[in-house]
N, C-alpha and C. Protein backbone atom coordinates (compact mmCIF):
# COMPACT_ATOMS: atom_id res chain seq x y z
N MET A 1 -0.06 5.72 -23.22
CA MET A 1 0.67 5.47 -24.46
C MET A 1 -0.16 4.55 -25.35
N GLU A 2 -0.21 4.92 -26.61
CA GLU A 2 -0.91 4.10 -27.59
C GLU A 2 0.08 3.15 -28.25
N PRO A 3 -0.39 2.01 -28.75
CA PRO A 3 0.50 1.17 -29.57
C PRO A 3 0.99 1.98 -30.78
N ALA A 4 2.12 1.59 -31.29
CA ALA A 4 2.76 2.35 -32.38
C ALA A 4 1.84 2.54 -33.57
N GLU A 5 1.07 1.52 -33.94
CA GLU A 5 0.20 1.63 -35.11
C GLU A 5 -0.88 2.71 -34.89
N GLU A 6 -1.47 2.73 -33.70
CA GLU A 6 -2.51 3.72 -33.41
C GLU A 6 -1.90 5.11 -33.30
N TRP A 7 -0.72 5.20 -32.71
CA TRP A 7 -0.04 6.48 -32.56
C TRP A 7 0.29 7.05 -33.94
N ALA A 8 0.82 6.20 -34.81
CA ALA A 8 1.18 6.64 -36.16
C ALA A 8 -0.05 7.09 -36.95
N ALA A 9 -1.20 6.52 -36.65
CA ALA A 9 -2.42 6.90 -37.37
C ALA A 9 -2.82 8.34 -37.09
N HIS A 10 -2.33 8.91 -36.01
CA HIS A 10 -2.64 10.30 -35.66
C HIS A 10 -1.63 11.28 -36.27
N ALA A 11 -0.64 10.75 -36.96
CA ALA A 11 0.43 11.59 -37.49
C ALA A 11 0.14 12.05 -38.91
N THR A 12 0.53 13.29 -39.17
CA THR A 12 0.51 13.84 -40.52
C THR A 12 1.96 14.13 -40.88
N ASP A 13 2.45 13.50 -41.94
CA ASP A 13 3.82 13.74 -42.39
C ASP A 13 3.80 14.56 -43.67
N LEU A 14 4.59 15.61 -43.67
CA LEU A 14 4.82 16.43 -44.85
C LEU A 14 6.30 16.29 -45.15
N GLU A 15 6.65 15.81 -46.32
CA GLU A 15 8.07 15.58 -46.59
C GLU A 15 8.41 15.86 -48.05
N TRP A 16 9.67 16.21 -48.23
CA TRP A 16 10.16 16.56 -49.56
C TRP A 16 11.67 16.36 -49.60
N ILE A 17 12.21 16.45 -50.81
CA ILE A 17 13.66 16.29 -51.02
C ILE A 17 14.28 17.66 -51.28
N TYR A 18 15.49 17.83 -50.79
CA TYR A 18 16.29 19.01 -51.11
C TYR A 18 17.73 18.55 -51.25
N THR A 19 18.59 19.41 -51.73
CA THR A 19 20.00 19.07 -51.89
C THR A 19 20.81 19.87 -50.90
N ASP A 20 21.67 19.18 -50.16
CA ASP A 20 22.45 19.88 -49.14
C ASP A 20 23.70 20.51 -49.73
N LEU A 21 24.46 21.12 -48.89
CA LEU A 21 25.65 21.87 -49.28
C LEU A 21 26.68 21.01 -50.02
N ASP A 22 26.74 19.72 -49.66
CA ASP A 22 27.70 18.82 -50.27
C ASP A 22 27.15 18.09 -51.50
N GLY A 23 25.93 18.46 -51.91
CA GLY A 23 25.34 17.85 -53.10
C GLY A 23 24.56 16.57 -52.84
N TYR A 24 24.40 16.19 -51.58
CA TYR A 24 23.63 15.00 -51.25
C TYR A 24 22.15 15.31 -51.27
N ARG A 25 21.36 14.33 -51.74
CA ARG A 25 19.91 14.48 -51.65
C ARG A 25 19.49 14.18 -50.22
N CYS A 26 18.66 15.03 -49.69
CA CYS A 26 18.20 14.90 -48.31
C CYS A 26 16.68 14.96 -48.28
N ALA A 27 16.12 14.40 -47.24
CA ALA A 27 14.69 14.48 -47.03
C ALA A 27 14.43 15.30 -45.77
N MET A 28 13.46 16.17 -45.84
CA MET A 28 12.99 16.85 -44.64
C MET A 28 11.56 16.39 -44.43
N ARG A 29 11.26 16.05 -43.19
CA ARG A 29 9.92 15.63 -42.82
C ARG A 29 9.46 16.49 -41.65
N LEU A 30 8.26 17.00 -41.78
CA LEU A 30 7.59 17.68 -40.67
C LEU A 30 6.43 16.78 -40.25
N THR A 31 6.42 16.39 -39.00
CA THR A 31 5.37 15.52 -38.50
C THR A 31 4.54 16.28 -37.48
N GLY A 32 3.25 16.26 -37.68
CA GLY A 32 2.30 16.85 -36.73
C GLY A 32 1.33 15.78 -36.28
N PHE A 33 0.90 15.87 -35.04
CA PHE A 33 -0.04 14.88 -34.50
C PHE A 33 -1.38 15.53 -34.24
N ASP A 34 -2.42 14.78 -34.58
CA ASP A 34 -3.80 15.22 -34.36
C ASP A 34 -4.11 16.55 -35.06
N LEU A 35 -3.50 16.77 -36.21
CA LEU A 35 -3.83 17.96 -37.00
C LEU A 35 -5.18 17.75 -37.68
N THR A 36 -5.94 18.80 -37.77
CA THR A 36 -7.19 18.72 -38.53
C THR A 36 -6.86 18.73 -40.02
N ASP A 37 -7.82 18.36 -40.83
CA ASP A 37 -7.61 18.42 -42.28
C ASP A 37 -7.31 19.85 -42.71
N ALA A 38 -7.97 20.83 -42.10
CA ALA A 38 -7.74 22.24 -42.44
C ALA A 38 -6.32 22.65 -42.09
N GLN A 39 -5.82 22.20 -40.95
CA GLN A 39 -4.45 22.54 -40.56
C GLN A 39 -3.44 21.91 -41.53
N ALA A 40 -3.65 20.64 -41.86
CA ALA A 40 -2.74 19.96 -42.79
C ALA A 40 -2.77 20.63 -44.17
N ASP A 41 -3.96 20.99 -44.63
CA ASP A 41 -4.08 21.67 -45.93
C ASP A 41 -3.38 23.03 -45.89
N ASP A 42 -3.52 23.74 -44.78
CA ASP A 42 -2.86 25.04 -44.63
C ASP A 42 -1.35 24.88 -44.69
N LEU A 43 -0.82 23.87 -43.99
CA LEU A 43 0.62 23.64 -44.01
C LEU A 43 1.10 23.29 -45.41
N ARG A 44 0.36 22.44 -46.11
CA ARG A 44 0.74 22.09 -47.48
C ARG A 44 0.74 23.33 -48.38
N ALA A 45 -0.25 24.18 -48.20
CA ALA A 45 -0.31 25.41 -49.00
C ALA A 45 0.88 26.31 -48.71
N ARG A 46 1.22 26.44 -47.46
CA ARG A 46 2.37 27.28 -47.10
C ARG A 46 3.67 26.71 -47.66
N LEU A 47 3.83 25.39 -47.56
CA LEU A 47 5.03 24.76 -48.11
C LEU A 47 5.05 24.81 -49.62
N GLY A 48 3.90 24.96 -50.24
CA GLY A 48 3.81 25.04 -51.68
C GLY A 48 4.19 26.38 -52.26
N ASP A 49 4.50 27.35 -51.39
CA ASP A 49 4.86 28.68 -51.86
C ASP A 49 6.20 29.08 -51.26
N ALA A 50 7.27 28.56 -51.85
CA ALA A 50 8.61 28.79 -51.33
C ALA A 50 8.95 30.29 -51.29
N ALA A 51 8.52 31.04 -52.28
CA ALA A 51 8.80 32.47 -52.30
C ALA A 51 8.19 33.17 -51.09
N ALA A 52 7.00 32.73 -50.70
CA ALA A 52 6.34 33.33 -49.53
C ALA A 52 7.11 33.01 -48.25
N LEU A 53 7.66 31.80 -48.16
CA LEU A 53 8.46 31.44 -46.98
C LEU A 53 9.62 32.42 -46.81
N LEU A 54 10.28 32.74 -47.92
CA LEU A 54 11.43 33.64 -47.87
C LEU A 54 11.01 35.09 -47.67
N THR A 55 9.87 35.46 -48.21
CA THR A 55 9.36 36.82 -48.02
C THR A 55 9.03 37.06 -46.56
N VAL A 56 8.40 36.08 -45.94
CA VAL A 56 8.06 36.19 -44.52
C VAL A 56 9.33 36.36 -43.70
N ASP A 57 10.37 35.61 -44.04
CA ASP A 57 11.64 35.68 -43.30
C ASP A 57 12.32 37.04 -43.46
N ASP A 58 12.34 37.56 -44.67
CA ASP A 58 12.94 38.87 -44.96
C ASP A 58 14.36 39.01 -44.41
N GLY A 59 15.13 37.90 -44.43
CA GLY A 59 16.52 37.95 -43.98
C GLY A 59 16.72 37.80 -42.49
N ALA A 60 15.66 37.53 -41.72
CA ALA A 60 15.76 37.46 -40.25
C ALA A 60 16.66 36.32 -39.78
N VAL A 61 16.54 35.15 -40.39
CA VAL A 61 17.36 34.01 -39.97
C VAL A 61 18.83 34.31 -40.28
N ARG A 62 19.10 34.87 -41.44
CA ARG A 62 20.47 35.22 -41.80
C ARG A 62 21.06 36.20 -40.78
N ALA A 63 20.31 37.23 -40.45
CA ALA A 63 20.78 38.23 -39.48
C ALA A 63 21.03 37.59 -38.11
N GLU A 64 20.13 36.72 -37.69
CA GLU A 64 20.29 36.06 -36.39
C GLU A 64 21.52 35.18 -36.36
N PHE A 65 21.72 34.37 -37.41
CA PHE A 65 22.85 33.46 -37.43
C PHE A 65 24.17 34.22 -37.56
N LEU A 66 24.18 35.31 -38.32
CA LEU A 66 25.41 36.10 -38.42
C LEU A 66 25.72 36.82 -37.11
N ALA A 67 24.70 37.24 -36.38
CA ALA A 67 24.92 37.85 -35.06
C ALA A 67 25.54 36.82 -34.11
N ARG A 68 25.07 35.58 -34.17
CA ARG A 68 25.67 34.52 -33.36
C ARG A 68 27.14 34.30 -33.75
N TYR A 69 27.40 34.33 -35.06
CA TYR A 69 28.77 34.19 -35.53
C TYR A 69 29.65 35.31 -34.96
N ASP A 70 29.16 36.52 -35.02
CA ASP A 70 29.94 37.67 -34.55
C ASP A 70 30.25 37.60 -33.07
N GLU A 71 29.48 36.85 -32.30
CA GLU A 71 29.67 36.74 -30.85
C GLU A 71 30.43 35.47 -30.46
N ASP A 72 30.78 34.63 -31.41
CA ASP A 72 31.33 33.32 -31.09
C ASP A 72 32.72 33.15 -31.71
N GLU A 73 33.75 33.24 -30.87
CA GLU A 73 35.12 33.11 -31.36
C GLU A 73 35.39 31.72 -31.94
N HIS A 74 34.73 30.71 -31.40
CA HIS A 74 34.92 29.35 -31.92
C HIS A 74 34.47 29.27 -33.38
N LYS A 75 33.30 29.83 -33.69
CA LYS A 75 32.81 29.84 -35.08
C LYS A 75 33.75 30.65 -35.96
N GLN A 76 34.26 31.75 -35.42
CA GLN A 76 35.15 32.60 -36.20
C GLN A 76 36.48 31.90 -36.49
N ALA A 77 36.89 30.98 -35.59
CA ALA A 77 38.12 30.24 -35.81
C ALA A 77 37.94 29.18 -36.91
N ILE A 78 36.69 28.74 -37.13
CA ILE A 78 36.41 27.71 -38.12
C ILE A 78 36.18 28.31 -39.51
N TYR A 79 35.43 29.41 -39.56
CA TYR A 79 35.02 30.00 -40.84
C TYR A 79 35.35 31.48 -40.88
N ALA A 80 35.71 31.94 -42.06
CA ALA A 80 35.73 33.38 -42.30
C ALA A 80 34.26 33.82 -42.37
N ARG A 81 33.99 35.07 -42.04
CA ARG A 81 32.60 35.54 -42.01
C ARG A 81 31.90 35.38 -43.36
N ASP A 82 32.61 35.68 -44.44
CA ASP A 82 31.98 35.56 -45.75
C ASP A 82 31.68 34.10 -46.11
N GLU A 83 32.52 33.17 -45.65
CA GLU A 83 32.27 31.75 -45.88
C GLU A 83 31.03 31.30 -45.09
N TYR A 84 30.95 31.73 -43.83
CA TYR A 84 29.81 31.41 -42.98
C TYR A 84 28.52 31.96 -43.59
N ALA A 85 28.57 33.21 -44.04
CA ALA A 85 27.41 33.83 -44.68
C ALA A 85 27.04 33.10 -45.97
N GLY A 86 28.05 32.62 -46.70
CA GLY A 86 27.79 31.90 -47.93
C GLY A 86 27.04 30.59 -47.70
N ILE A 87 27.35 29.91 -46.61
CA ILE A 87 26.63 28.67 -46.27
C ILE A 87 25.16 28.98 -45.99
N ILE A 88 24.95 30.05 -45.25
CA ILE A 88 23.57 30.49 -44.95
C ILE A 88 22.85 30.83 -46.24
N ASP A 89 23.52 31.56 -47.12
CA ASP A 89 22.91 31.95 -48.39
C ASP A 89 22.57 30.75 -49.26
N GLU A 90 23.40 29.69 -49.19
CA GLU A 90 23.10 28.46 -49.94
C GLU A 90 21.80 27.83 -49.44
N ALA A 91 21.57 27.88 -48.13
CA ALA A 91 20.32 27.34 -47.58
C ALA A 91 19.13 28.16 -48.06
N TYR A 92 19.28 29.47 -48.10
CA TYR A 92 18.21 30.33 -48.63
C TYR A 92 17.91 29.95 -50.08
N ALA A 93 18.96 29.74 -50.87
CA ALA A 93 18.76 29.38 -52.28
C ALA A 93 18.05 28.04 -52.42
N GLU A 94 18.37 27.11 -51.54
CA GLU A 94 17.72 25.80 -51.62
C GLU A 94 16.26 25.87 -51.18
N VAL A 95 15.94 26.69 -50.19
CA VAL A 95 14.54 26.86 -49.79
C VAL A 95 13.75 27.46 -50.95
N ALA A 96 14.38 28.32 -51.71
CA ALA A 96 13.69 28.92 -52.87
C ALA A 96 13.26 27.86 -53.88
N GLU A 97 13.90 26.70 -53.86
CA GLU A 97 13.58 25.60 -54.78
C GLU A 97 12.67 24.55 -54.16
N LEU A 98 12.20 24.77 -52.94
CA LEU A 98 11.41 23.79 -52.20
C LEU A 98 10.21 23.32 -53.02
N ASP A 99 10.08 22.00 -53.14
CA ASP A 99 8.96 21.40 -53.88
C ASP A 99 8.35 20.30 -53.01
N ALA A 100 7.53 20.71 -52.05
CA ALA A 100 6.93 19.76 -51.13
C ALA A 100 5.99 18.80 -51.85
N ALA A 101 5.38 19.22 -52.94
CA ALA A 101 4.44 18.36 -53.67
C ALA A 101 5.13 17.13 -54.26
N ALA A 102 6.43 17.22 -54.51
CA ALA A 102 7.16 16.11 -55.11
C ALA A 102 7.35 14.94 -54.15
N GLY A 103 7.30 15.21 -52.85
CA GLY A 103 7.47 14.14 -51.87
C GLY A 103 8.86 13.57 -51.85
N THR A 104 8.99 12.34 -51.35
CA THR A 104 10.30 11.73 -51.21
C THR A 104 10.41 10.35 -51.84
N ALA A 105 9.47 9.97 -52.68
CA ALA A 105 9.49 8.63 -53.27
C ALA A 105 10.80 8.36 -54.01
N GLU A 106 11.42 9.39 -54.52
CA GLU A 106 12.70 9.26 -55.24
C GLU A 106 13.78 8.64 -54.35
N LEU A 107 13.65 8.79 -53.04
CA LEU A 107 14.65 8.26 -52.11
C LEU A 107 14.28 6.89 -51.55
N ASP A 108 13.18 6.31 -51.99
CA ASP A 108 12.79 4.98 -51.50
C ASP A 108 13.93 3.99 -51.76
N GLY A 109 14.34 3.31 -50.71
CA GLY A 109 15.41 2.32 -50.82
C GLY A 109 16.81 2.87 -50.78
N VAL A 110 16.97 4.19 -50.76
CA VAL A 110 18.30 4.81 -50.70
C VAL A 110 18.73 4.84 -49.24
N PRO A 111 19.93 4.35 -48.91
CA PRO A 111 20.39 4.42 -47.51
C PRO A 111 20.52 5.88 -47.07
N LEU A 112 19.91 6.19 -45.94
CA LEU A 112 19.94 7.55 -45.42
C LEU A 112 20.59 7.56 -44.04
N THR A 113 21.13 8.71 -43.69
CA THR A 113 21.73 8.90 -42.37
C THR A 113 21.28 10.24 -41.82
N ASP A 114 21.42 10.41 -40.54
CA ASP A 114 21.09 11.67 -39.89
C ASP A 114 21.90 12.78 -40.55
N ALA A 115 21.26 13.87 -40.88
CA ALA A 115 21.93 14.96 -41.60
C ALA A 115 23.04 15.59 -40.79
N SER A 116 23.01 15.47 -39.48
CA SER A 116 24.02 16.14 -38.66
C SER A 116 25.40 15.50 -38.76
N VAL A 117 25.51 14.33 -39.35
CA VAL A 117 26.81 13.68 -39.42
C VAL A 117 27.60 14.08 -40.67
N THR A 118 27.08 15.00 -41.44
CA THR A 118 27.74 15.34 -42.69
C THR A 118 28.76 16.46 -42.57
N GLY A 119 29.01 16.97 -41.38
CA GLY A 119 30.04 17.98 -41.19
C GLY A 119 29.49 19.31 -40.71
N ALA A 120 30.39 20.15 -40.19
CA ALA A 120 29.99 21.42 -39.58
C ALA A 120 29.31 22.36 -40.58
N ALA A 121 29.85 22.46 -41.78
CA ALA A 121 29.25 23.36 -42.76
C ALA A 121 27.85 22.89 -43.12
N SER A 122 27.70 21.58 -43.32
CA SER A 122 26.38 21.05 -43.64
C SER A 122 25.43 21.20 -42.45
N GLU A 123 25.95 21.07 -41.24
CA GLU A 123 25.10 21.26 -40.07
C GLU A 123 24.52 22.67 -40.04
N LEU A 124 25.35 23.67 -40.31
CA LEU A 124 24.86 25.05 -40.39
C LEU A 124 23.84 25.18 -41.51
N PHE A 125 24.11 24.57 -42.65
CA PHE A 125 23.19 24.60 -43.77
C PHE A 125 21.83 24.03 -43.35
N HIS A 126 21.83 22.84 -42.74
CA HIS A 126 20.58 22.19 -42.35
C HIS A 126 19.84 22.99 -41.28
N GLN A 127 20.57 23.56 -40.33
CA GLN A 127 19.94 24.40 -39.31
C GLN A 127 19.26 25.60 -39.96
N THR A 128 19.95 26.24 -40.88
CA THR A 128 19.38 27.39 -41.56
C THR A 128 18.16 26.99 -42.37
N TYR A 129 18.30 25.92 -43.13
CA TYR A 129 17.20 25.43 -43.97
C TYR A 129 15.96 25.15 -43.11
N GLY A 130 16.16 24.42 -42.03
CA GLY A 130 15.04 24.08 -41.14
C GLY A 130 14.38 25.28 -40.52
N ARG A 131 15.18 26.23 -40.06
CA ARG A 131 14.62 27.44 -39.47
C ARG A 131 13.84 28.25 -40.49
N LEU A 132 14.35 28.36 -41.71
CA LEU A 132 13.63 29.10 -42.75
C LEU A 132 12.26 28.48 -43.01
N VAL A 133 12.22 27.16 -43.08
CA VAL A 133 10.94 26.48 -43.34
C VAL A 133 10.00 26.67 -42.16
N LEU A 134 10.46 26.36 -40.95
CA LEU A 134 9.58 26.46 -39.78
C LEU A 134 9.13 27.89 -39.51
N ASP A 135 10.07 28.82 -39.58
CA ASP A 135 9.69 30.22 -39.36
C ASP A 135 8.76 30.71 -40.46
N GLY A 136 9.03 30.29 -41.69
CA GLY A 136 8.22 30.74 -42.81
C GLY A 136 6.79 30.27 -42.73
N ILE A 137 6.59 29.00 -42.37
CA ILE A 137 5.21 28.53 -42.27
C ILE A 137 4.55 28.98 -40.98
N GLY A 138 5.36 29.27 -39.97
CA GLY A 138 4.80 29.70 -38.69
C GLY A 138 4.45 31.17 -38.62
N ALA A 139 5.10 31.98 -39.44
CA ALA A 139 4.90 33.42 -39.35
C ALA A 139 4.13 34.00 -40.53
N GLY A 140 3.68 33.15 -41.42
CA GLY A 140 2.96 33.63 -42.60
C GLY A 140 1.61 34.20 -42.24
N PRO A 141 0.87 34.64 -43.23
CA PRO A 141 -0.45 35.21 -42.99
C PRO A 141 -1.33 34.24 -42.21
N GLN A 142 -2.01 34.74 -41.23
CA GLN A 142 -2.86 33.89 -40.39
C GLN A 142 -4.08 33.42 -41.18
N ARG A 143 -4.40 32.16 -41.01
CA ARG A 143 -5.55 31.57 -41.67
C ARG A 143 -6.45 30.99 -40.59
N ASP A 144 -7.46 30.25 -40.99
CA ASP A 144 -8.41 29.69 -40.04
C ASP A 144 -7.88 28.42 -39.39
N THR A 145 -6.62 28.42 -39.01
CA THR A 145 -6.03 27.28 -38.33
C THR A 145 -5.25 27.78 -37.13
N SER A 146 -4.91 26.88 -36.26
CA SER A 146 -4.17 27.27 -35.06
C SER A 146 -2.87 26.49 -34.94
N THR A 147 -2.24 26.18 -36.05
CA THR A 147 -0.99 25.42 -36.03
C THR A 147 0.16 26.35 -35.69
N ASP A 148 0.94 25.96 -34.70
CA ASP A 148 2.16 26.67 -34.34
C ASP A 148 3.31 25.77 -34.80
N ALA A 149 3.99 26.14 -35.86
CA ALA A 149 5.00 25.28 -36.47
C ALA A 149 6.05 24.84 -35.46
N ALA A 150 6.48 25.74 -34.60
CA ALA A 150 7.54 25.41 -33.65
C ALA A 150 7.06 24.44 -32.57
N LEU A 151 5.79 24.48 -32.23
CA LEU A 151 5.25 23.61 -31.18
C LEU A 151 4.56 22.37 -31.71
N ASP A 152 3.90 22.48 -32.85
CA ASP A 152 3.05 21.41 -33.34
C ASP A 152 3.71 20.49 -34.36
N LEU A 153 4.89 20.86 -34.82
CA LEU A 153 5.55 20.05 -35.85
C LEU A 153 6.94 19.61 -35.38
N THR A 154 7.28 18.38 -35.70
CA THR A 154 8.60 17.85 -35.37
C THR A 154 9.37 17.71 -36.68
N PRO A 155 10.47 18.47 -36.82
CA PRO A 155 11.26 18.35 -38.04
C PRO A 155 12.26 17.21 -37.94
N GLN A 156 12.48 16.53 -39.06
CA GLN A 156 13.50 15.49 -39.15
C GLN A 156 14.22 15.66 -40.49
N PHE A 157 15.51 15.38 -40.47
CA PHE A 157 16.33 15.47 -41.67
C PHE A 157 17.09 14.16 -41.84
N ALA A 158 17.21 13.71 -43.05
CA ALA A 158 18.05 12.55 -43.36
C ALA A 158 18.62 12.76 -44.76
N CYS A 159 19.87 12.34 -44.94
CA CYS A 159 20.54 12.52 -46.23
C CYS A 159 21.10 11.20 -46.72
N GLU A 160 21.35 11.15 -48.03
CA GLU A 160 21.98 9.98 -48.62
C GLU A 160 23.27 9.67 -47.88
N VAL A 161 23.55 8.40 -47.74
CA VAL A 161 24.80 8.00 -47.13
C VAL A 161 25.92 8.31 -48.11
N GLY A 162 26.93 9.04 -47.66
CA GLY A 162 28.05 9.40 -48.53
C GLY A 162 29.10 8.32 -48.58
N GLU A 163 30.20 8.65 -49.22
CA GLU A 163 31.30 7.68 -49.37
C GLU A 163 32.05 7.53 -48.08
């Protein structure tokens, strides 16, 4: 184990702001360790093309999550299918607006909390959003890097503290 300062020096953080289902500003951070400059540049390029992330997905995350809904009576007791699909669609719309270049400086000093505490609908939204980003950068056109988004990056979410 390295001391925290040395360990952090090996980290590459990619982060940006998005708006969740309830209108709160949230930050998503992808952290990779020991990434080469080429790998980090490739990830930034992929995150810089939100349309490509969604094109790569081609509705796969939506289909997967709706299939889970169709098999889960508990989810069906909480949401009507069209409401559940609407939450997923909201995450797709928010990924379309992804602006990783903007970073998160706007949230400096803003109290943040774990995104999972904002409720079941928001939890589905954040899960969908995260999967779209990770799958999109992981399944895009292969470049001269060997980054596996699911294995090499740790996603974190935090949102403004609500009322």
